[in-house]
Amino acid sequence: MAIHRSLVIFAIVALMVPAISLTTDFVVGDDYGWTLGINYEEWAKDKQFFVGDTLVFTYNATFHNVYKVNGDDFQSCTVPSNNSLVFFTGNDTIKLATTGNEWYVCGVIGHCDLGMKLNITVVDGTGPAADPSAA
């Protein structure tokens, strides 16, 4: 009877595992965060961003902010005056909800021109499974 109960529990857990979302929280800039002097293109180049993942921008809110912009504004480092997609808490979490390109800049004058901008491509699917031995 105990073996039967164990098999039932195992079967239930095995059915639930595929439903667990494998998402990743990316701290932009890793230990340095969102600040001047970081090459965010280099930071992002070997990373894969999937729908459901999260970007975490950590920074000193006295000196920086985060604006979500379009590709043209990203290239020209322009923050439109009607942009309502601004983050300014110093610990901003942005869920990647759709596929495609995402562009972010610091809206403080001159910071984007000095490289404080991030361009990523979000794809559909799930990220790589976590290494079970790491647990």
N, C-alpha and C. Protein backbone atom coordinates (compact mmCIF):
# COMPACT_ATOMS: atom_id res chain seq x y z
N MET A 1 0.81 -1.20 0.00
CA MET A 1 0.00 0.00 0.00
C MET A 1 0.86 1.27 0.00
N ALA A 2 1.95 1.24 0.77
CA ALA A 2 2.84 2.40 0.81
C ALA A 2 3.48 2.65 -0.54
N ILE A 3 3.79 1.58 -1.26
CA ILE A 3 4.40 1.73 -2.59
C ILE A 3 3.39 2.37 -3.54
N HIS A 4 2.13 1.94 -3.46
CA HIS A 4 1.09 2.50 -4.31
C HIS A 4 0.92 4.00 -4.04
N ARG A 5 0.91 4.39 -2.78
CA ARG A 5 0.77 5.79 -2.41
C ARG A 5 1.95 6.60 -2.93
N SER A 6 3.16 6.05 -2.83
CA SER A 6 4.35 6.73 -3.32
C SER A 6 4.28 6.93 -4.82
N LEU A 7 3.80 5.93 -5.53
CA LEU A 7 3.68 6.05 -6.99
C LEU A 7 2.67 7.13 -7.37
N VAL A 8 1.57 7.20 -6.65
CA VAL A 8 0.56 8.21 -6.93
C VAL A 8 1.15 9.61 -6.68
N ILE A 9 1.85 9.79 -5.58
CA ILE A 9 2.46 11.08 -5.29
C ILE A 9 3.49 11.43 -6.35
N PHE A 10 4.31 10.46 -6.74
CA PHE A 10 5.31 10.69 -7.78
C PHE A 10 4.64 11.10 -9.09
N ALA A 11 3.55 10.44 -9.45
CA ALA A 11 2.84 10.75 -10.70
C ALA A 11 2.28 12.17 -10.67
N ILE A 12 1.74 12.59 -9.55
CA ILE A 12 1.18 13.93 -9.42
C ILE A 12 2.29 14.97 -9.56
N VAL A 13 3.40 14.75 -8.89
CA VAL A 13 4.52 15.68 -8.97
C VAL A 13 5.06 15.73 -10.39
N ALA A 14 5.19 14.58 -11.04
CA ALA A 14 5.71 14.52 -12.41
C ALA A 14 4.80 15.28 -13.37
N LEU A 15 3.50 15.26 -13.15
CA LEU A 15 2.58 15.99 -14.00
C LEU A 15 2.64 17.49 -13.76
N MET A 16 3.00 17.88 -12.56
CA MET A 16 3.05 19.30 -12.23
C MET A 16 4.34 19.96 -12.71
N VAL A 17 5.42 19.23 -12.85
CA VAL A 17 6.71 19.81 -13.20
C VAL A 17 6.66 20.59 -14.51
N PRO A 18 6.05 20.07 -15.60
CA PRO A 18 6.03 20.88 -16.82
C PRO A 18 5.28 22.20 -16.66
N ALA A 19 4.38 22.30 -15.70
CA ALA A 19 3.61 23.52 -15.50
C ALA A 19 4.42 24.60 -14.79
N ILE A 20 5.54 24.21 -14.18
CA ILE A 20 6.37 25.17 -13.48
C ILE A 20 7.10 26.02 -14.51
N SER A 21 6.98 27.30 -14.39
CA SER A 21 7.59 28.21 -15.34
C SER A 21 9.08 28.36 -15.05
N LEU A 22 9.88 28.21 -16.07
CA LEU A 22 11.31 28.41 -15.93
C LEU A 22 11.65 29.80 -16.45
N THR A 23 11.60 30.77 -15.58
CA THR A 23 11.91 32.14 -15.98
C THR A 23 13.18 32.59 -15.27
N THR A 24 13.77 33.63 -15.81
CA THR A 24 15.02 34.15 -15.27
C THR A 24 14.85 35.62 -14.92
N ASP A 25 15.39 36.01 -13.78
CA ASP A 25 15.49 37.41 -13.40
C ASP A 25 16.89 37.89 -13.78
N PHE A 26 16.96 38.85 -14.69
CA PHE A 26 18.24 39.40 -15.12
C PHE A 26 18.46 40.73 -14.42
N VAL A 27 19.48 40.82 -13.58
CA VAL A 27 19.85 42.09 -12.98
C VAL A 27 20.72 42.80 -14.01
N VAL A 28 20.19 43.86 -14.57
CA VAL A 28 20.88 44.59 -15.64
C VAL A 28 22.19 45.14 -15.11
N GLY A 29 23.29 44.76 -15.77
CA GLY A 29 24.62 45.19 -15.33
C GLY A 29 25.20 44.33 -14.23
N ASP A 30 24.51 43.25 -13.88
CA ASP A 30 24.95 42.34 -12.81
C ASP A 30 25.24 43.12 -11.53
N ASP A 31 26.40 42.91 -10.93
CA ASP A 31 26.72 43.54 -9.64
C ASP A 31 26.84 45.06 -9.73
N TYR A 32 27.11 45.60 -10.92
CA TYR A 32 27.26 47.04 -11.07
C TYR A 32 25.92 47.75 -11.20
N GLY A 33 24.91 47.03 -11.68
CA GLY A 33 23.59 47.63 -11.85
C GLY A 33 23.53 48.55 -13.05
N TRP A 34 22.58 49.47 -12.98
CA TRP A 34 22.29 50.42 -14.06
C TRP A 34 23.02 51.70 -13.71
N THR A 35 24.15 51.94 -14.36
CA THR A 35 24.98 53.08 -14.02
C THR A 35 25.88 53.43 -15.20
N LEU A 36 26.57 54.52 -15.11
CA LEU A 36 27.52 54.92 -16.15
C LEU A 36 28.75 54.02 -16.11
N GLY A 37 29.40 53.88 -17.26
CA GLY A 37 30.65 53.13 -17.32
C GLY A 37 30.50 51.64 -17.60
N ILE A 38 29.29 51.18 -17.85
CA ILE A 38 29.05 49.76 -18.15
C ILE A 38 28.67 49.65 -19.62
N ASN A 39 29.21 48.64 -20.29
CA ASN A 39 28.87 48.38 -21.68
C ASN A 39 27.69 47.41 -21.69
N TYR A 40 26.49 47.94 -21.82
CA TYR A 40 25.29 47.10 -21.74
C TYR A 40 25.11 46.25 -22.99
N GLU A 41 25.66 46.67 -24.11
CA GLU A 41 25.63 45.82 -25.30
C GLU A 41 26.45 44.55 -25.03
N GLU A 42 27.60 44.71 -24.43
CA GLU A 42 28.46 43.58 -24.08
C GLU A 42 27.77 42.71 -23.02
N TRP A 43 27.13 43.35 -22.04
CA TRP A 43 26.44 42.62 -20.97
C TRP A 43 25.35 41.71 -21.56
N ALA A 44 24.61 42.20 -22.54
CA ALA A 44 23.46 41.47 -23.07
C ALA A 44 23.81 40.46 -24.16
N LYS A 45 24.98 40.57 -24.76
CA LYS A 45 25.25 39.83 -26.00
C LYS A 45 25.17 38.31 -25.88
N ASP A 46 25.52 37.72 -24.77
CA ASP A 46 25.49 36.26 -24.64
C ASP A 46 24.27 35.77 -23.87
N LYS A 47 23.33 36.65 -23.64
CA LYS A 47 22.14 36.26 -22.88
C LYS A 47 20.96 36.05 -23.82
N GLN A 48 20.10 35.11 -23.46
CA GLN A 48 18.85 34.90 -24.18
C GLN A 48 17.71 35.34 -23.28
N PHE A 49 16.85 36.19 -23.83
CA PHE A 49 15.73 36.73 -23.07
C PHE A 49 14.45 36.11 -23.62
N PHE A 50 13.65 35.53 -22.74
CA PHE A 50 12.42 34.85 -23.13
C PHE A 50 11.22 35.57 -22.54
N VAL A 51 10.08 35.43 -23.21
CA VAL A 51 8.83 35.94 -22.66
C VAL A 51 8.65 35.33 -21.27
N GLY A 52 8.34 36.17 -20.31
CA GLY A 52 8.19 35.71 -18.93
C GLY A 52 9.39 36.03 -18.05
N ASP A 53 10.56 36.25 -18.67
CA ASP A 53 11.73 36.66 -17.90
C ASP A 53 11.52 38.07 -17.37
N THR A 54 12.39 38.48 -16.47
CA THR A 54 12.28 39.78 -15.84
C THR A 54 13.61 40.51 -15.90
N LEU A 55 13.55 41.80 -16.24
CA LEU A 55 14.72 42.67 -16.13
C LEU A 55 14.60 43.41 -14.80
N VAL A 56 15.69 43.45 -14.06
CA VAL A 56 15.73 44.19 -12.80
C VAL A 56 16.78 45.28 -12.94
N PHE A 57 16.33 46.52 -12.88
CA PHE A 57 17.22 47.66 -12.96
C PHE A 57 17.46 48.17 -11.54
N THR A 58 18.69 48.08 -11.07
CA THR A 58 19.04 48.61 -9.75
C THR A 58 20.00 49.78 -9.95
N TYR A 59 19.71 50.91 -9.30
CA TYR A 59 20.50 52.12 -9.51
C TYR A 59 20.18 53.14 -8.42
N ASN A 60 21.00 54.15 -8.36
CA ASN A 60 20.77 55.26 -7.45
C ASN A 60 19.76 56.19 -8.10
N ALA A 61 18.55 56.24 -7.56
CA ALA A 61 17.46 57.01 -8.16
C ALA A 61 17.71 58.52 -8.12
N THR A 62 18.67 58.97 -7.36
CA THR A 62 19.02 60.38 -7.36
C THR A 62 19.69 60.78 -8.67
N PHE A 63 20.39 59.82 -9.29
CA PHE A 63 21.21 60.13 -10.46
C PHE A 63 20.74 59.49 -11.75
N HIS A 64 19.84 58.51 -11.70
CA HIS A 64 19.46 57.77 -12.90
C HIS A 64 17.96 57.46 -12.91
N ASN A 65 17.49 56.97 -14.05
CA ASN A 65 16.13 56.48 -14.21
C ASN A 65 16.15 55.50 -15.39
N VAL A 66 15.01 54.95 -15.73
CA VAL A 66 14.91 54.03 -16.86
C VAL A 66 13.68 54.40 -17.68
N TYR A 67 13.89 54.61 -18.96
CA TYR A 67 12.79 54.85 -19.89
C TYR A 67 12.75 53.72 -20.90
N LYS A 68 11.56 53.22 -21.17
CA LYS A 68 11.38 52.30 -22.28
C LYS A 68 11.06 53.16 -23.50
N VAL A 69 11.85 52.95 -24.57
CA VAL A 69 11.69 53.78 -25.77
C VAL A 69 11.58 52.88 -27.00
N ASN A 70 11.35 53.49 -28.16
CA ASN A 70 11.34 52.72 -29.41
C ASN A 70 12.75 52.73 -30.02
N GLY A 71 12.91 52.00 -31.12
CA GLY A 71 14.23 51.85 -31.73
C GLY A 71 14.85 53.14 -32.21
N ASP A 72 14.04 54.02 -32.82
CA ASP A 72 14.56 55.30 -33.30
C ASP A 72 15.03 56.17 -32.14
N ASP A 73 14.23 56.23 -31.08
CA ASP A 73 14.61 57.03 -29.92
C ASP A 73 15.83 56.45 -29.22
N PHE A 74 15.96 55.13 -29.26
CA PHE A 74 17.14 54.48 -28.69
C PHE A 74 18.39 54.92 -29.45
N GLN A 75 18.31 54.87 -30.78
CA GLN A 75 19.47 55.23 -31.61
C GLN A 75 19.89 56.68 -31.41
N SER A 76 18.90 57.56 -31.29
CA SER A 76 19.21 58.99 -31.16
C SER A 76 19.30 59.45 -29.70
N CYS A 77 19.10 58.53 -28.77
CA CYS A 77 19.11 58.86 -27.33
C CYS A 77 18.11 59.98 -27.02
N THR A 78 16.91 59.82 -27.56
CA THR A 78 15.84 60.79 -27.34
C THR A 78 14.79 60.20 -26.42
N VAL A 79 14.42 60.94 -25.40
CA VAL A 79 13.32 60.53 -24.53
C VAL A 79 12.13 61.42 -24.87
N PRO A 80 11.10 60.87 -25.53
CA PRO A 80 9.94 61.68 -25.89
C PRO A 80 9.29 62.29 -24.64
N SER A 81 8.83 63.51 -24.78
CA SER A 81 8.22 64.19 -23.63
C SER A 81 6.92 63.53 -23.20
N ASN A 82 6.28 62.78 -24.11
CA ASN A 82 5.01 62.12 -23.76
C ASN A 82 5.22 60.68 -23.33
N ASN A 83 6.45 60.30 -23.01
CA ASN A 83 6.75 58.92 -22.63
C ASN A 83 6.27 58.65 -21.21
N SER A 84 5.31 57.76 -21.10
CA SER A 84 4.78 57.42 -19.78
C SER A 84 5.44 56.14 -19.25
N LEU A 85 6.34 55.56 -20.04
CA LEU A 85 6.99 54.32 -19.62
C LEU A 85 8.32 54.64 -18.95
N VAL A 86 8.22 55.35 -17.83
CA VAL A 86 9.41 55.74 -17.08
C VAL A 86 9.42 55.00 -15.74
N PHE A 87 10.60 54.64 -15.33
CA PHE A 87 10.79 53.97 -14.04
C PHE A 87 11.83 54.78 -13.28
N PHE A 88 11.62 54.97 -12.00
CA PHE A 88 12.52 55.86 -11.26
C PHE A 88 12.67 55.48 -9.80
N THR A 89 12.39 54.23 -9.43
CA THR A 89 12.46 53.85 -8.03
C THR A 89 13.87 53.48 -7.57
N GLY A 90 14.72 53.09 -8.52
CA GLY A 90 16.05 52.60 -8.16
C GLY A 90 16.10 51.10 -8.04
N ASN A 91 14.93 50.47 -8.10
CA ASN A 91 14.85 49.00 -8.06
C ASN A 91 13.62 48.61 -8.88
N ASP A 92 13.74 48.76 -10.20
CA ASP A 92 12.61 48.57 -11.09
C ASP A 92 12.63 47.18 -11.72
N THR A 93 11.48 46.53 -11.69
CA THR A 93 11.34 45.20 -12.26
C THR A 93 10.41 45.28 -13.45
N ILE A 94 10.89 44.79 -14.60
CA ILE A 94 10.11 44.84 -15.83
C ILE A 94 9.96 43.43 -16.38
N LYS A 95 8.73 42.96 -16.42
CA LYS A 95 8.42 41.63 -16.95
C LYS A 95 8.42 41.70 -18.47
N LEU A 96 9.13 40.79 -19.11
CA LEU A 96 9.17 40.73 -20.57
C LEU A 96 7.95 39.95 -21.04
N ALA A 97 6.97 40.66 -21.56
CA ALA A 97 5.66 40.07 -21.84
C ALA A 97 5.44 39.70 -23.30
N THR A 98 6.22 40.29 -24.21
CA THR A 98 6.00 40.03 -25.63
C THR A 98 7.34 39.79 -26.34
N THR A 99 7.26 39.14 -27.49
CA THR A 99 8.47 38.91 -28.27
C THR A 99 8.84 40.19 -29.02
N GLY A 100 10.10 40.26 -29.42
CA GLY A 100 10.56 41.39 -30.21
C GLY A 100 11.66 42.16 -29.51
N ASN A 101 12.00 43.30 -30.09
CA ASN A 101 13.05 44.15 -29.53
C ASN A 101 12.50 45.01 -28.41
N GLU A 102 13.33 45.22 -27.40
CA GLU A 102 13.02 46.11 -26.28
C GLU A 102 14.19 47.07 -26.14
N TRP A 103 13.89 48.34 -25.93
CA TRP A 103 14.92 49.36 -25.82
C TRP A 103 14.70 50.15 -24.54
N TYR A 104 15.79 50.36 -23.79
CA TYR A 104 15.74 51.11 -22.54
C TYR A 104 16.90 52.09 -22.51
N VAL A 105 16.66 53.28 -21.97
CA VAL A 105 17.71 54.29 -21.84
C VAL A 105 17.56 54.98 -20.49
N CYS A 106 18.67 55.57 -20.05
CA CYS A 106 18.60 56.48 -18.91
C CYS A 106 18.22 57.84 -19.48
N GLY A 107 17.20 58.47 -18.90
CA GLY A 107 16.70 59.74 -19.41
C GLY A 107 17.41 60.96 -18.87
N VAL A 108 18.40 60.77 -18.01
CA VAL A 108 19.16 61.92 -17.51
C VAL A 108 20.03 62.44 -18.65
N ILE A 109 20.05 63.73 -18.83
CA ILE A 109 20.75 64.34 -19.96
C ILE A 109 22.20 63.85 -20.04
N GLY A 110 22.53 63.33 -21.23
CA GLY A 110 23.89 62.88 -21.50
C GLY A 110 24.19 61.44 -21.15
N HIS A 111 23.41 60.82 -20.29
CA HIS A 111 23.73 59.46 -19.85
C HIS A 111 23.58 58.43 -20.97
N CYS A 112 22.53 58.53 -21.76
CA CYS A 112 22.35 57.62 -22.89
C CYS A 112 23.50 57.76 -23.87
N ASP A 113 23.88 58.98 -24.17
CA ASP A 113 25.00 59.23 -25.08
C ASP A 113 26.31 58.63 -24.56
N LEU A 114 26.41 58.50 -23.25
CA LEU A 114 27.60 57.90 -22.64
C LEU A 114 27.48 56.38 -22.52
N GLY A 115 26.43 55.81 -23.12
CA GLY A 115 26.30 54.35 -23.16
C GLY A 115 25.31 53.73 -22.21
N MET A 116 24.57 54.54 -21.48
CA MET A 116 23.61 54.01 -20.53
C MET A 116 22.30 53.70 -21.25
N LYS A 117 22.36 52.64 -22.06
CA LYS A 117 21.20 52.21 -22.84
C LYS A 117 21.32 50.71 -23.09
N LEU A 118 20.16 50.07 -23.20
CA LEU A 118 20.11 48.62 -23.34
C LEU A 118 19.12 48.25 -24.43
N ASN A 119 19.56 47.38 -25.34
CA ASN A 119 18.72 46.84 -26.40
C ASN A 119 18.76 45.33 -26.29
N ILE A 120 17.59 44.70 -26.16
CA ILE A 120 17.53 43.24 -26.10
C ILE A 120 16.49 42.74 -27.08
N THR A 121 16.56 41.47 -27.41
CA THR A 121 15.56 40.80 -28.22
C THR A 121 14.93 39.71 -27.37
N VAL A 122 13.61 39.75 -27.26
CA VAL A 122 12.86 38.79 -26.46
C VAL A 122 12.26 37.76 -27.41
N VAL A 123 12.47 36.49 -27.09
CA VAL A 123 11.95 35.41 -27.93
C VAL A 123 10.93 34.58 -27.15
N ASP A 124 10.13 33.85 -27.89
CA ASP A 124 9.12 32.98 -27.30
C ASP A 124 9.78 31.70 -26.81
N GLY A 125 9.19 31.08 -25.85
CA GLY A 125 9.72 29.81 -25.34
C GLY A 125 10.14 29.97 -23.90
N THR A 126 10.90 28.99 -23.45
CA THR A 126 11.39 29.02 -22.08
C THR A 126 12.88 28.94 -22.09
N GLY A 127 13.46 29.46 -21.05
CA GLY A 127 14.90 29.45 -20.90
C GLY A 127 15.42 28.06 -20.59
N PRO A 128 16.72 27.92 -20.56
CA PRO A 128 17.30 26.62 -20.26
C PRO A 128 16.92 26.16 -18.86
N ALA A 129 16.72 24.88 -18.73
CA ALA A 129 16.34 24.32 -17.43
C ALA A 129 17.49 24.49 -16.46
N ALA A 130 17.14 24.70 -15.22
CA ALA A 130 18.16 24.84 -14.18
C ALA A 130 18.84 23.50 -13.96
N ASP A 131 20.11 23.54 -13.59
CA ASP A 131 20.86 22.34 -13.29
C ASP A 131 20.35 21.75 -12.00
N PRO A 132 19.78 20.51 -12.03
CA PRO A 132 19.23 19.94 -10.80
C PRO A 132 20.26 19.75 -9.73
N SER A 133 21.53 19.58 -10.07
CA SER A 133 22.57 19.38 -9.06
C SER A 133 22.86 20.67 -8.31
N ALA A 134 22.46 21.83 -8.89
CA ALA A 134 22.69 23.11 -8.24
C ALA A 134 21.82 23.29 -7.02
N ALA A 135 20.69 22.58 -6.99
CA ALA A 135 19.80 22.67 -5.83
C ALA A 135 20.40 21.93 -4.70
